[in-house]
Amino acid sequence: MSLRINDTAPDFTADTTEGEVSFHNWIGDGYAVLFSHPKDFTPVCTTELGTMAGMIDQFEARNTKVIGISVDPVSDHLKWKADIEMVSGTPVSYPMIGDPDLAVAKAYDMLPAEETAGEGRTAATNSTVRSVFVIGPDKKIKLSLTYPMTTGRNFAEILRAIDSIQLTANHKVATPADWKQGEDVIITPAVSDDEATEKFGSFERILPYLRKTKQPG
């Protein structure tokens, strides 16, 4: 069965470029981004890992850890890191999971259970290992995105989504299309008008079911 929003993220223990990681313990009481790659030494993925390396401070400011995964072994990841730094100008400071037996890729439903590991696998063979998962402190999946191999991921959008997820976790609000930090938010239907006035002060009723207010916090 596919993983869905609010499913518990599969736990695992794996070797990484920073040593062995027990995933749920590693997440701790914050958020985490797990982003996957079909093969080391591939062009689009090299730019993605480098971009993430340059943005790591922005994720850390949101109490969010970052971990990458590729189906190749950690020994290859360590060599790949040099290429990533050369292209991006920034060293990779977050762990990269080695998954040569495909265990994590299968646990996260990025590859079918019947797939078998082996040196004959190519990036095309592993093309569905191109997902991003945002996982909360409760170890539940808050967001998942899957990209084709030829489309580089937009990490600014992932940051924007984390901002929304964290805001709505702390306040009874939702965020509208294309929302950015500081813009108005939507009061959820579960909040009565009286409660909305108490929590947020004034609000704008656009439709009977659509009320907007200033971003709290």
N, C-alpha and C. Protein backbone atom coordinates (compact mmCIF):
# COMPACT_ATOMS: atom_id res chain seq x y z
N MET A 1 0.85 -1.19 0.00
CA MET A 1 0.00 0.00 0.00
C MET A 1 0.89 1.25 0.00
N SER A 2 0.50 2.27 -0.77
CA SER A 2 1.28 3.50 -0.85
C SER A 2 1.23 4.24 0.47
N LEU A 3 2.31 4.97 0.76
CA LEU A 3 2.33 5.83 1.93
C LEU A 3 1.50 7.07 1.66
N ARG A 4 0.76 7.48 2.66
CA ARG A 4 -0.12 8.63 2.53
C ARG A 4 0.21 9.66 3.61
N ILE A 5 -0.32 10.86 3.42
CA ILE A 5 -0.19 11.90 4.43
C ILE A 5 -0.77 11.38 5.74
N ASN A 6 -0.04 11.63 6.81
CA ASN A 6 -0.40 11.22 8.19
C ASN A 6 -0.11 9.75 8.48
N ASP A 7 0.40 8.99 7.51
CA ASP A 7 0.93 7.67 7.82
C ASP A 7 2.24 7.83 8.62
N THR A 8 2.53 6.87 9.47
CA THR A 8 3.82 6.88 10.16
C THR A 8 4.93 6.60 9.15
N ALA A 9 5.94 7.44 9.13
CA ALA A 9 7.08 7.22 8.24
C ALA A 9 7.80 5.94 8.66
N PRO A 10 8.07 5.03 7.74
CA PRO A 10 8.77 3.80 8.10
C PRO A 10 10.10 4.09 8.81
N ASP A 11 10.32 3.41 9.91
CA ASP A 11 11.58 3.53 10.62
C ASP A 11 12.60 2.57 10.01
N PHE A 12 13.85 2.89 10.13
CA PHE A 12 14.90 2.01 9.61
C PHE A 12 16.22 2.38 10.26
N THR A 13 17.15 1.47 10.19
CA THR A 13 18.53 1.73 10.58
C THR A 13 19.39 1.52 9.34
N ALA A 14 20.25 2.49 9.04
CA ALA A 14 21.03 2.41 7.80
C ALA A 14 22.38 3.08 7.99
N ASP A 15 23.32 2.68 7.14
CA ASP A 15 24.64 3.30 7.09
C ASP A 15 24.53 4.61 6.30
N THR A 16 25.19 5.65 6.77
CA THR A 16 25.19 6.93 6.08
C THR A 16 26.61 7.48 6.04
N THR A 17 26.77 8.58 5.34
CA THR A 17 28.07 9.24 5.29
C THR A 17 28.48 9.83 6.63
N GLU A 18 27.54 9.89 7.59
CA GLU A 18 27.82 10.38 8.93
C GLU A 18 27.75 9.26 9.96
N GLY A 19 27.82 8.00 9.51
CA GLY A 19 27.72 6.86 10.41
C GLY A 19 26.32 6.26 10.41
N GLU A 20 26.12 5.27 11.26
CA GLU A 20 24.83 4.57 11.29
C GLU A 20 23.75 5.49 11.87
N VAL A 21 22.57 5.44 11.25
CA VAL A 21 21.44 6.26 11.67
C VAL A 21 20.24 5.36 11.94
N SER A 22 19.63 5.53 13.11
CA SER A 22 18.31 4.96 13.39
C SER A 22 17.31 6.09 13.16
N PHE A 23 16.52 5.98 12.12
CA PHE A 23 15.84 7.15 11.55
C PHE A 23 14.96 7.89 12.54
N HIS A 24 14.05 7.22 13.20
CA HIS A 24 13.15 7.92 14.12
C HIS A 24 13.92 8.58 15.26
N ASN A 25 14.91 7.89 15.78
CA ASN A 25 15.73 8.50 16.83
C ASN A 25 16.50 9.70 16.30
N TRP A 26 16.97 9.60 15.08
CA TRP A 26 17.71 10.70 14.46
C TRP A 26 16.83 11.93 14.29
N ILE A 27 15.57 11.72 13.91
CA ILE A 27 14.65 12.87 13.75
C ILE A 27 14.49 13.60 15.07
N GLY A 28 14.36 12.86 16.15
CA GLY A 28 14.19 13.49 17.46
C GLY A 28 12.86 14.19 17.58
N ASP A 29 12.87 15.41 18.15
CA ASP A 29 11.62 16.12 18.40
C ASP A 29 11.39 17.25 17.41
N GLY A 30 12.07 17.21 16.28
CA GLY A 30 11.88 18.21 15.24
C GLY A 30 11.30 17.61 13.98
N TYR A 31 11.48 18.32 12.88
CA TYR A 31 11.02 17.88 11.56
C TYR A 31 12.21 17.32 10.78
N ALA A 32 11.90 16.60 9.72
CA ALA A 32 12.96 16.05 8.86
C ALA A 32 12.52 16.06 7.41
N VAL A 33 13.47 16.23 6.52
CA VAL A 33 13.27 16.09 5.08
C VAL A 33 14.12 14.92 4.61
N LEU A 34 13.48 13.91 4.04
CA LEU A 34 14.16 12.78 3.41
C LEU A 34 13.97 12.94 1.91
N PHE A 35 15.08 13.09 1.18
CA PHE A 35 14.94 13.23 -0.27
C PHE A 35 15.85 12.23 -0.97
N SER A 36 15.29 11.58 -1.98
CA SER A 36 15.92 10.38 -2.54
C SER A 36 16.42 10.59 -3.96
N HIS A 37 17.36 9.72 -4.34
CA HIS A 37 18.02 9.82 -5.64
C HIS A 37 18.21 8.42 -6.23
N PRO A 38 18.03 8.29 -7.55
CA PRO A 38 18.10 6.96 -8.17
C PRO A 38 19.51 6.43 -8.40
N LYS A 39 20.51 7.32 -8.34
CA LYS A 39 21.87 6.87 -8.65
C LYS A 39 22.85 7.99 -8.30
N ASP A 40 24.04 7.62 -7.86
CA ASP A 40 25.10 8.61 -7.66
C ASP A 40 25.67 9.03 -9.01
N PHE A 41 26.36 10.17 -9.00
CA PHE A 41 27.04 10.69 -10.20
C PHE A 41 26.07 10.90 -11.36
N THR A 42 24.88 11.41 -11.05
CA THR A 42 23.90 11.77 -12.07
C THR A 42 23.76 13.29 -12.08
N PRO A 43 23.50 13.90 -13.24
CA PRO A 43 23.63 15.36 -13.35
C PRO A 43 22.61 16.15 -12.54
N VAL A 44 21.32 15.83 -12.69
CA VAL A 44 20.29 16.61 -11.99
C VAL A 44 20.45 16.46 -10.48
N CYS A 45 20.66 15.23 -10.03
CA CYS A 45 20.80 14.98 -8.59
C CYS A 45 22.00 15.70 -8.01
N THR A 46 23.09 15.80 -8.77
CA THR A 46 24.27 16.52 -8.30
C THR A 46 23.92 17.97 -7.99
N THR A 47 23.15 18.60 -8.88
CA THR A 47 22.76 20.00 -8.64
C THR A 47 21.81 20.09 -7.45
N GLU A 48 20.96 19.09 -7.26
CA GLU A 48 19.99 19.13 -6.15
C GLU A 48 20.69 19.02 -4.80
N LEU A 49 21.59 18.06 -4.69
CA LEU A 49 22.30 17.88 -3.43
C LEU A 49 23.13 19.11 -3.09
N GLY A 50 23.71 19.74 -4.10
CA GLY A 50 24.47 20.96 -3.89
C GLY A 50 23.60 22.13 -3.48
N THR A 51 22.44 22.25 -4.11
CA THR A 51 21.51 23.31 -3.73
C THR A 51 21.06 23.15 -2.28
N MET A 52 20.73 21.91 -1.92
CA MET A 52 20.33 21.66 -0.53
C MET A 52 21.47 21.99 0.44
N ALA A 53 22.69 21.66 0.06
CA ALA A 53 23.84 21.98 0.92
C ALA A 53 23.93 23.48 1.18
N GLY A 54 23.65 24.27 0.16
CA GLY A 54 23.72 25.72 0.31
C GLY A 54 22.57 26.32 1.09
N MET A 55 21.48 25.54 1.27
CA MET A 55 20.29 26.03 1.97
C MET A 55 20.14 25.42 3.36
N ILE A 56 21.11 24.63 3.78
CA ILE A 56 20.92 23.84 5.01
C ILE A 56 20.62 24.72 6.22
N ASP A 57 21.19 25.91 6.28
CA ASP A 57 20.93 26.80 7.41
C ASP A 57 19.46 27.20 7.48
N GLN A 58 18.82 27.33 6.32
CA GLN A 58 17.42 27.71 6.31
C GLN A 58 16.52 26.59 6.84
N PHE A 59 16.91 25.35 6.57
CA PHE A 59 16.16 24.23 7.13
C PHE A 59 16.40 24.12 8.63
N GLU A 60 17.65 24.28 9.04
CA GLU A 60 17.96 24.20 10.46
C GLU A 60 17.24 25.28 11.25
N ALA A 61 17.07 26.47 10.66
CA ALA A 61 16.34 27.55 11.33
C ALA A 61 14.89 27.18 11.57
N ARG A 62 14.38 26.21 10.84
CA ARG A 62 13.01 25.73 11.01
C ARG A 62 12.95 24.43 11.83
N ASN A 63 14.03 24.15 12.56
CA ASN A 63 14.12 22.93 13.38
C ASN A 63 13.87 21.70 12.51
N THR A 64 14.46 21.70 11.32
CA THR A 64 14.26 20.64 10.34
C THR A 64 15.60 20.06 9.93
N LYS A 65 15.77 18.77 10.14
CA LYS A 65 16.96 18.07 9.69
C LYS A 65 16.79 17.61 8.25
N VAL A 66 17.89 17.44 7.56
CA VAL A 66 17.88 16.99 6.16
C VAL A 66 18.71 15.73 6.04
N ILE A 67 18.20 14.77 5.29
CA ILE A 67 18.94 13.53 5.02
C ILE A 67 18.66 13.10 3.59
N GLY A 68 19.72 12.80 2.85
CA GLY A 68 19.57 12.31 1.48
C GLY A 68 19.70 10.80 1.43
N ILE A 69 19.25 10.22 0.36
CA ILE A 69 19.39 8.78 0.16
C ILE A 69 19.58 8.50 -1.32
N SER A 70 20.48 7.58 -1.62
CA SER A 70 20.64 7.06 -2.97
C SER A 70 20.82 5.55 -2.85
N VAL A 71 20.47 4.85 -3.90
CA VAL A 71 20.53 3.38 -3.85
C VAL A 71 21.96 2.85 -3.97
N ASP A 72 22.93 3.72 -4.08
CA ASP A 72 24.32 3.29 -4.13
C ASP A 72 24.91 3.22 -2.72
N PRO A 73 26.05 2.56 -2.54
CA PRO A 73 26.66 2.43 -1.21
C PRO A 73 27.29 3.73 -0.74
N VAL A 74 27.50 3.80 0.57
CA VAL A 74 28.10 5.00 1.17
C VAL A 74 29.48 5.29 0.60
N SER A 75 30.24 4.27 0.26
CA SER A 75 31.58 4.50 -0.32
C SER A 75 31.50 5.33 -1.59
N ASP A 76 30.46 5.13 -2.40
CA ASP A 76 30.25 5.95 -3.59
C ASP A 76 29.79 7.36 -3.22
N HIS A 77 28.94 7.47 -2.19
CA HIS A 77 28.47 8.79 -1.76
C HIS A 77 29.65 9.66 -1.36
N LEU A 78 30.61 9.09 -0.66
CA LEU A 78 31.75 9.87 -0.19
C LEU A 78 32.56 10.43 -1.35
N LYS A 79 32.66 9.67 -2.44
CA LYS A 79 33.34 10.16 -3.64
C LYS A 79 32.49 11.21 -4.35
N TRP A 80 31.18 10.99 -4.37
CA TRP A 80 30.26 11.90 -5.06
C TRP A 80 30.25 13.27 -4.38
N LYS A 81 30.43 13.30 -3.07
CA LYS A 81 30.41 14.55 -2.33
C LYS A 81 31.42 15.55 -2.89
N ALA A 82 32.55 15.07 -3.37
CA ALA A 82 33.56 15.98 -3.93
C ALA A 82 33.02 16.66 -5.19
N ASP A 83 32.34 15.90 -6.05
CA ASP A 83 31.74 16.48 -7.25
C ASP A 83 30.67 17.50 -6.89
N ILE A 84 29.85 17.17 -5.90
CA ILE A 84 28.76 18.05 -5.48
C ILE A 84 29.32 19.38 -4.99
N GLU A 85 30.38 19.31 -4.18
CA GLU A 85 30.99 20.53 -3.67
C GLU A 85 31.64 21.33 -4.79
N MET A 86 32.23 20.67 -5.76
CA MET A 86 32.86 21.38 -6.88
C MET A 86 31.81 22.15 -7.68
N VAL A 87 30.65 21.54 -7.89
CA VAL A 87 29.59 22.18 -8.69
C VAL A 87 28.92 23.30 -7.92
N SER A 88 28.64 23.08 -6.62
CA SER A 88 27.84 24.03 -5.85
C SER A 88 28.67 25.03 -5.06
N GLY A 89 29.94 24.68 -4.78
CA GLY A 89 30.76 25.52 -3.95
C GLY A 89 30.49 25.37 -2.47
N THR A 90 29.65 24.39 -2.12
CA THR A 90 29.28 24.18 -0.72
C THR A 90 29.45 22.71 -0.36
N PRO A 91 30.13 22.41 0.73
CA PRO A 91 30.26 21.01 1.13
C PRO A 91 28.93 20.45 1.62
N VAL A 92 28.72 19.16 1.43
CA VAL A 92 27.52 18.49 1.91
C VAL A 92 27.70 18.18 3.39
N SER A 93 26.92 18.86 4.23
CA SER A 93 27.09 18.71 5.68
C SER A 93 26.01 17.84 6.31
N TYR A 94 25.08 17.34 5.50
CA TYR A 94 24.01 16.48 6.01
C TYR A 94 24.31 15.03 5.61
N PRO A 95 23.75 14.05 6.33
CA PRO A 95 24.03 12.65 6.00
C PRO A 95 23.36 12.20 4.71
N MET A 96 24.02 11.25 4.04
CA MET A 96 23.48 10.62 2.83
C MET A 96 23.43 9.11 3.09
N ILE A 97 22.24 8.56 2.99
CA ILE A 97 22.02 7.15 3.28
C ILE A 97 22.47 6.29 2.11
N GLY A 98 23.21 5.23 2.40
CA GLY A 98 23.49 4.21 1.41
C GLY A 98 22.39 3.15 1.44
N ASP A 99 21.83 2.87 0.27
CA ASP A 99 20.71 1.91 0.21
C ASP A 99 20.92 0.90 -0.93
N PRO A 100 22.09 0.25 -0.99
CA PRO A 100 22.36 -0.66 -2.12
C PRO A 100 21.46 -1.89 -2.14
N ASP A 101 20.88 -2.25 -1.00
CA ASP A 101 19.97 -3.40 -0.99
C ASP A 101 18.52 -2.98 -1.23
N LEU A 102 18.30 -1.68 -1.45
CA LEU A 102 16.98 -1.11 -1.79
C LEU A 102 15.97 -1.18 -0.64
N ALA A 103 16.44 -1.47 0.57
CA ALA A 103 15.51 -1.67 1.68
C ALA A 103 14.71 -0.40 1.99
N VAL A 104 15.37 0.74 2.04
CA VAL A 104 14.66 1.98 2.36
C VAL A 104 13.78 2.40 1.20
N ALA A 105 14.28 2.28 -0.02
CA ALA A 105 13.48 2.63 -1.19
C ALA A 105 12.19 1.82 -1.25
N LYS A 106 12.26 0.55 -0.89
CA LYS A 106 11.06 -0.30 -0.87
C LYS A 106 10.15 0.06 0.31
N ALA A 107 10.74 0.32 1.47
CA ALA A 107 9.93 0.67 2.64
C ALA A 107 9.11 1.93 2.40
N TYR A 108 9.66 2.84 1.61
CA TYR A 108 8.96 4.08 1.29
C TYR A 108 8.19 4.00 -0.03
N ASP A 109 8.01 2.78 -0.52
CA ASP A 109 7.19 2.52 -1.71
C ASP A 109 7.69 3.27 -2.95
N MET A 110 9.00 3.49 -3.01
CA MET A 110 9.57 4.12 -4.19
C MET A 110 9.97 3.08 -5.23
N LEU A 111 10.09 1.83 -4.80
CA LEU A 111 10.34 0.71 -5.70
C LEU A 111 9.44 -0.45 -5.27
N PRO A 112 8.99 -1.28 -6.22
CA PRO A 112 8.18 -2.44 -5.86
C PRO A 112 8.94 -3.42 -4.98
N ALA A 113 8.23 -4.12 -4.13
CA ALA A 113 8.84 -5.05 -3.19
C ALA A 113 9.64 -6.15 -3.89
N GLU A 114 9.22 -6.51 -5.11
CA GLU A 114 9.88 -7.62 -5.82
C GLU A 114 11.16 -7.20 -6.53
N GLU A 115 11.50 -5.91 -6.55
CA GLU A 115 12.73 -5.47 -7.20
C GLU A 115 13.95 -6.05 -6.47
N THR A 116 14.95 -6.41 -7.21
CA THR A 116 16.15 -7.00 -6.62
C THR A 116 17.36 -6.09 -6.84
N ALA A 117 18.24 -6.05 -5.86
CA ALA A 117 19.43 -5.22 -5.95
C ALA A 117 20.46 -5.88 -6.86
N GLY A 118 21.40 -5.07 -7.33
CA GLY A 118 22.47 -5.62 -8.17
C GLY A 118 23.18 -4.51 -8.91
N GLU A 119 24.40 -4.80 -9.36
CA GLU A 119 25.20 -3.78 -10.03
C GLU A 119 24.64 -3.40 -11.39
N GLY A 120 23.75 -4.20 -11.92
CA GLY A 120 23.19 -3.88 -13.23
C GLY A 120 22.13 -2.80 -13.21
N ARG A 121 21.74 -2.36 -12.02
CA ARG A 121 20.71 -1.33 -11.94
C ARG A 121 21.26 0.02 -12.40
N THR A 122 20.43 0.77 -13.12
CA THR A 122 20.81 2.09 -13.64
C THR A 122 19.89 3.14 -13.04
N ALA A 123 20.19 4.41 -13.33
CA ALA A 123 19.31 5.48 -12.87
C ALA A 123 17.91 5.30 -13.43
N ALA A 124 17.82 4.86 -14.69
CA ALA A 124 16.50 4.63 -15.29
C ALA A 124 15.74 3.51 -14.58
N THR A 125 16.46 2.46 -14.20
CA THR A 125 15.85 1.37 -13.46
C THR A 125 15.27 1.86 -12.14
N ASN A 126 15.96 2.82 -11.55
CA ASN A 126 15.56 3.34 -10.23
C ASN A 126 14.84 4.68 -10.33
N SER A 127 14.26 4.98 -11.47
CA SER A 127 13.77 6.34 -11.74
C SER A 127 12.71 6.83 -10.77
N THR A 128 12.01 5.91 -10.10
CA THR A 128 10.97 6.34 -9.15
C THR A 128 11.53 6.70 -7.78
N VAL A 129 12.84 6.51 -7.59
CA VAL A 129 13.46 6.90 -6.32
C VAL A 129 13.80 8.39 -6.42
N ARG A 130 12.77 9.20 -6.52
CA ARG A 130 12.89 10.65 -6.74
C ARG A 130 11.87 11.38 -5.88
N SER A 131 11.68 10.91 -4.66
CA SER A 131 10.64 11.47 -3.79
C SER A 131 11.24 12.33 -2.68
N VAL A 132 10.43 13.24 -2.19
CA VAL A 132 10.73 14.05 -1.02
C VAL A 132 9.65 13.78 0.01
N PHE A 133 10.06 13.52 1.24
CA PHE A 133 9.13 13.34 2.34
C PHE A 133 9.46 14.35 3.43
N VAL A 134 8.45 15.08 3.88
CA VAL A 134 8.59 15.92 5.07
C VAL A 134 7.91 15.17 6.21
N ILE A 135 8.65 14.97 7.28
CA ILE A 135 8.19 14.15 8.41
C ILE A 135 8.20 15.00 9.67
N GLY A 136 7.13 14.90 10.45
CA GLY A 136 6.99 15.73 11.64
C GLY A 136 7.57 15.11 12.89
N PRO A 137 7.55 15.84 14.00
CA PRO A 137 8.06 15.32 15.27
C PRO A 137 7.31 14.07 15.73
N ASP A 138 6.06 13.92 15.29
CA ASP A 138 5.28 12.73 15.62
C ASP A 138 5.60 11.56 14.71
N LYS A 139 6.57 11.73 13.82
CA LYS A 139 7.05 10.72 12.87
C LYS A 139 6.01 10.39 11.80
N LYS A 140 5.05 11.31 11.62
CA LYS A 140 4.04 11.16 10.57
C LYS A 140 4.48 11.91 9.32
N ILE A 141 4.10 11.39 8.16
CA ILE A 141 4.41 12.05 6.90
C ILE A 141 3.49 13.26 6.73
N LYS A 142 4.07 14.42 6.57
CA LYS A 142 3.31 15.66 6.41
C LYS A 142 3.18 16.08 4.96
N LEU A 143 4.12 15.64 4.12
CA LEU A 143 4.12 16.02 2.70
C LEU A 143 4.94 15.00 1.94
N SER A 144 4.53 14.69 0.72
CA SER A 144 5.34 13.87 -0.18
C SER A 144 5.22 14.42 -1.59
N LEU A 145 6.35 14.44 -2.27
CA LEU A 145 6.43 14.90 -3.67
C LEU A 145 7.33 13.93 -4.43
N THR A 146 6.96 13.63 -5.67
CA THR A 146 7.81 12.79 -6.51
C THR A 146 8.04 13.49 -7.84
N TYR A 147 9.30 13.57 -8.23
CA TYR A 147 9.71 14.29 -9.43
C TYR A 147 10.25 13.32 -10.47
N PRO A 148 10.08 13.64 -11.76
CA PRO A 148 10.78 12.87 -12.79
C PRO A 148 12.27 13.16 -12.74
N MET A 149 13.06 12.27 -13.31
CA MET A 149 14.51 12.41 -13.25
C MET A 149 15.01 13.68 -13.93
N THR A 150 14.27 14.18 -14.90
CA THR A 150 14.74 15.32 -15.68
C THR A 150 14.32 16.67 -15.11
N THR A 151 13.58 16.66 -14.00
CA THR A 151 13.10 17.91 -13.41
C THR A 151 13.73 18.10 -12.04
N GLY A 152 14.61 19.08 -11.94
CA GLY A 152 15.24 19.37 -10.66
C GLY A 152 14.23 19.88 -9.65
N ARG A 153 14.41 19.49 -8.42
CA ARG A 153 13.47 19.85 -7.37
C ARG A 153 13.59 21.31 -6.96
N ASN A 154 12.47 21.89 -6.55
CA ASN A 154 12.41 23.28 -6.10
C ASN A 154 12.45 23.29 -4.57
N PHE A 155 13.62 23.50 -4.00
CA PHE A 155 13.75 23.43 -2.55
C PHE A 155 13.17 24.65 -1.86
N ALA A 156 13.03 25.76 -2.58
CA ALA A 156 12.34 26.91 -2.00
C ALA A 156 10.88 26.56 -1.75
N GLU A 157 10.29 25.79 -2.62
CA GLU A 157 8.90 25.35 -2.41
C GLU A 157 8.80 24.41 -1.21
N ILE A 158 9.80 23.57 -1.02
CA ILE A 158 9.77 22.67 0.14
C ILE A 158 9.89 23.48 1.43
N LEU A 159 10.72 24.52 1.44
CA LEU A 159 10.78 25.41 2.59
C LEU A 159 9.44 26.09 2.83
N ARG A 160 8.83 26.58 1.76
CA ARG A 160 7.52 27.24 1.87
C ARG A 160 6.49 26.28 2.47
N ALA A 161 6.51 25.03 2.02
CA ALA A 161 5.56 24.04 2.53
C ALA A 161 5.81 23.76 4.02
N ILE A 162 7.08 23.68 4.41
CA ILE A 162 7.40 23.48 5.82
C ILE A 162 6.91 24.65 6.66
N ASP A 163 7.07 25.87 6.15
CA ASP A 163 6.54 27.03 6.87
C ASP A 163 5.04 26.89 7.09
N SER A 164 4.33 26.47 6.05
CA SER A 164 2.88 26.29 6.17
C SER A 164 2.54 25.18 7.15
N ILE A 165 3.22 24.04 7.02
CA ILE A 165 2.96 22.89 7.90
C ILE A 165 3.18 23.26 9.36
N GLN A 166 4.26 23.96 9.64
CA GLN A 166 4.56 24.33 11.02
C GLN A 166 3.59 25.39 11.55
N LEU A 167 3.20 26.32 10.69
CA LEU A 167 2.24 27.34 11.10
C LEU A 167 0.90 26.70 11.45
N THR A 168 0.43 25.80 10.59
CA THR A 168 -0.88 25.20 10.82
C THR A 168 -0.85 24.18 11.96
N ALA A 169 0.34 23.68 12.31
CA ALA A 169 0.45 22.79 13.46
C ALA A 169 0.29 23.55 14.77
N ASN A 170 0.61 24.84 14.75
CA ASN A 170 0.58 25.65 15.97
C ASN A 170 -0.65 26.53 16.10
N HIS A 171 -1.36 26.74 15.01
CA HIS A 171 -2.53 27.61 15.01
C HIS A 171 -3.61 26.95 14.15
N LYS A 172 -4.86 27.28 14.40
CA LYS A 172 -5.97 26.67 13.65
C LYS A 172 -6.20 27.43 12.36
N VAL A 173 -5.18 27.40 11.51
CA VAL A 173 -5.26 28.10 10.23
C VAL A 173 -4.77 27.18 9.11
N ALA A 174 -5.11 27.55 7.89
CA ALA A 174 -4.59 26.93 6.68
C ALA A 174 -3.98 28.04 5.83
N THR A 175 -3.23 27.65 4.80
CA THR A 175 -2.61 28.67 3.95
C THR A 175 -3.16 28.55 2.52
N PRO A 176 -3.46 29.68 1.89
CA PRO A 176 -4.03 29.65 0.54
C PRO A 176 -2.98 29.36 -0.53
N ALA A 177 -3.44 29.27 -1.75
CA ALA A 177 -2.55 29.04 -2.88
C ALA A 177 -1.48 30.11 -2.94
N ASP A 178 -0.25 29.67 -3.19
CA ASP A 178 0.89 30.56 -3.37
C ASP A 178 1.23 31.38 -2.13
N TRP A 179 0.73 30.97 -0.97
CA TRP A 179 1.02 31.69 0.28
C TRP A 179 2.52 31.75 0.54
N LYS A 180 2.94 32.88 1.11
CA LYS A 180 4.32 33.05 1.57
C LYS A 180 4.30 33.65 2.97
N GLN A 181 5.42 33.49 3.68
CA GLN A 181 5.53 34.00 5.04
C GLN A 181 5.07 35.45 5.12
N GLY A 182 4.23 35.74 6.12
CA GLY A 182 3.76 37.10 6.36
C GLY A 182 2.45 37.44 5.70
N GLU A 183 1.99 36.59 4.77
CA GLU A 183 0.73 36.87 4.08
C GLU A 183 -0.45 36.33 4.88
N ASP A 184 -1.65 36.80 4.50
CA ASP A 184 -2.86 36.38 5.20
C ASP A 184 -3.07 34.87 5.10
N VAL A 185 -3.74 34.33 6.11
CA VAL A 185 -4.01 32.90 6.18
C VAL A 185 -5.52 32.68 6.28
N ILE A 186 -5.90 31.42 6.15
CA ILE A 186 -7.31 31.04 6.19
C ILE A 186 -7.63 30.45 7.56
N ILE A 187 -8.75 30.87 8.14
CA ILE A 187 -9.23 30.30 9.39
C ILE A 187 -9.96 29.00 9.06
N THR A 188 -9.60 27.91 9.71
CA THR A 188 -10.20 26.61 9.38
C THR A 188 -11.67 26.56 9.78
N PRO A 189 -12.47 25.76 9.08
CA PRO A 189 -13.90 25.66 9.40
C PRO A 189 -14.18 25.18 10.82
N ALA A 190 -13.21 24.49 11.44
CA ALA A 190 -13.42 23.99 12.80
C ALA A 190 -13.48 25.13 13.82
N VAL A 191 -13.06 26.32 13.45
CA VAL A 191 -13.04 27.47 14.35
C VAL A 191 -14.30 28.30 14.15
N SER A 192 -15.07 28.49 15.22
CA SER A 192 -16.28 29.31 15.13
C SER A 192 -15.91 30.78 14.98
N ASP A 193 -16.88 31.60 14.58
CA ASP A 193 -16.62 33.03 14.47
C ASP A 193 -16.20 33.62 15.81
N ASP A 194 -16.85 33.22 16.88
CA ASP A 194 -16.50 33.74 18.20
C ASP A 194 -15.07 33.36 18.58
N GLU A 195 -14.71 32.09 18.32
CA GLU A 195 -13.36 31.66 18.63
C GLU A 195 -12.35 32.37 17.75
N ALA A 196 -12.71 32.60 16.48
CA ALA A 196 -11.82 33.30 15.57
C ALA A 196 -11.55 34.72 16.06
N THR A 197 -12.60 35.38 16.54
CA THR A 197 -12.42 36.74 17.06
C THR A 197 -11.52 36.72 18.29
N GLU A 198 -11.71 35.72 19.14
CA GLU A 198 -10.89 35.61 20.34
C GLU A 198 -9.44 35.31 20.02
N LYS A 199 -9.21 34.42 19.04
CA LYS A 199 -7.85 33.99 18.71
C LYS A 199 -7.11 35.00 17.84
N PHE A 200 -7.82 35.55 16.85
CA PHE A 200 -7.14 36.33 15.82
C PHE A 200 -7.54 37.80 15.79
N GLY A 201 -8.55 38.18 16.56
CA GLY A 201 -9.05 39.54 16.45
C GLY A 201 -9.97 39.66 15.25
N SER A 202 -9.73 40.66 14.42
CA SER A 202 -10.59 40.84 13.24
C SER A 202 -10.26 39.83 12.16
N PHE A 203 -11.24 39.52 11.33
CA PHE A 203 -11.02 38.67 10.17
C PHE A 203 -11.97 39.10 9.05
N GLU A 204 -11.63 38.68 7.85
CA GLU A 204 -12.43 39.02 6.66
C GLU A 204 -13.18 37.79 6.19
N ARG A 205 -14.51 37.92 6.04
CA ARG A 205 -15.31 36.83 5.49
C ARG A 205 -15.48 37.06 4.00
N ILE A 206 -14.88 36.20 3.21
CA ILE A 206 -14.95 36.32 1.75
C ILE A 206 -16.11 35.50 1.20
N LEU A 207 -16.30 34.32 1.74
CA LEU A 207 -17.42 33.44 1.45
C LEU A 207 -17.88 32.84 2.78
N PRO A 208 -19.07 32.25 2.82
CA PRO A 208 -19.51 31.66 4.10
C PRO A 208 -18.49 30.68 4.69
N TYR A 209 -17.71 30.02 3.85
CA TYR A 209 -16.75 29.03 4.30
C TYR A 209 -15.30 29.48 4.15
N LEU A 210 -15.07 30.74 3.76
CA LEU A 210 -13.72 31.24 3.54
C LEU A 210 -13.52 32.53 4.32
N ARG A 211 -12.73 32.42 5.40
CA ARG A 211 -12.42 33.58 6.25
C ARG A 211 -10.90 33.74 6.29
N LYS A 212 -10.46 34.96 6.10
CA LYS A 212 -9.03 35.24 6.11
C LYS A 212 -8.67 36.16 7.27
N THR A 213 -7.43 35.99 7.77
CA THR A 213 -6.93 36.82 8.85
C THR A 213 -5.42 37.00 8.68
N LYS A 214 -4.84 37.90 9.48
CA LYS A 214 -3.40 38.09 9.44
C LYS A 214 -2.69 36.85 9.96
N GLN A 215 -1.52 36.57 9.44
CA GLN A 215 -0.76 35.43 9.91
C GLN A 215 -0.47 35.56 11.41
N PRO A 216 -0.85 34.57 12.20
CA PRO A 216 -0.55 34.64 13.63
C PRO A 216 0.92 34.36 13.92
N GLY A 217 1.34 34.75 15.08
CA GLY A 217 2.70 34.45 15.51
C GLY A 217 3.75 35.35 14.93
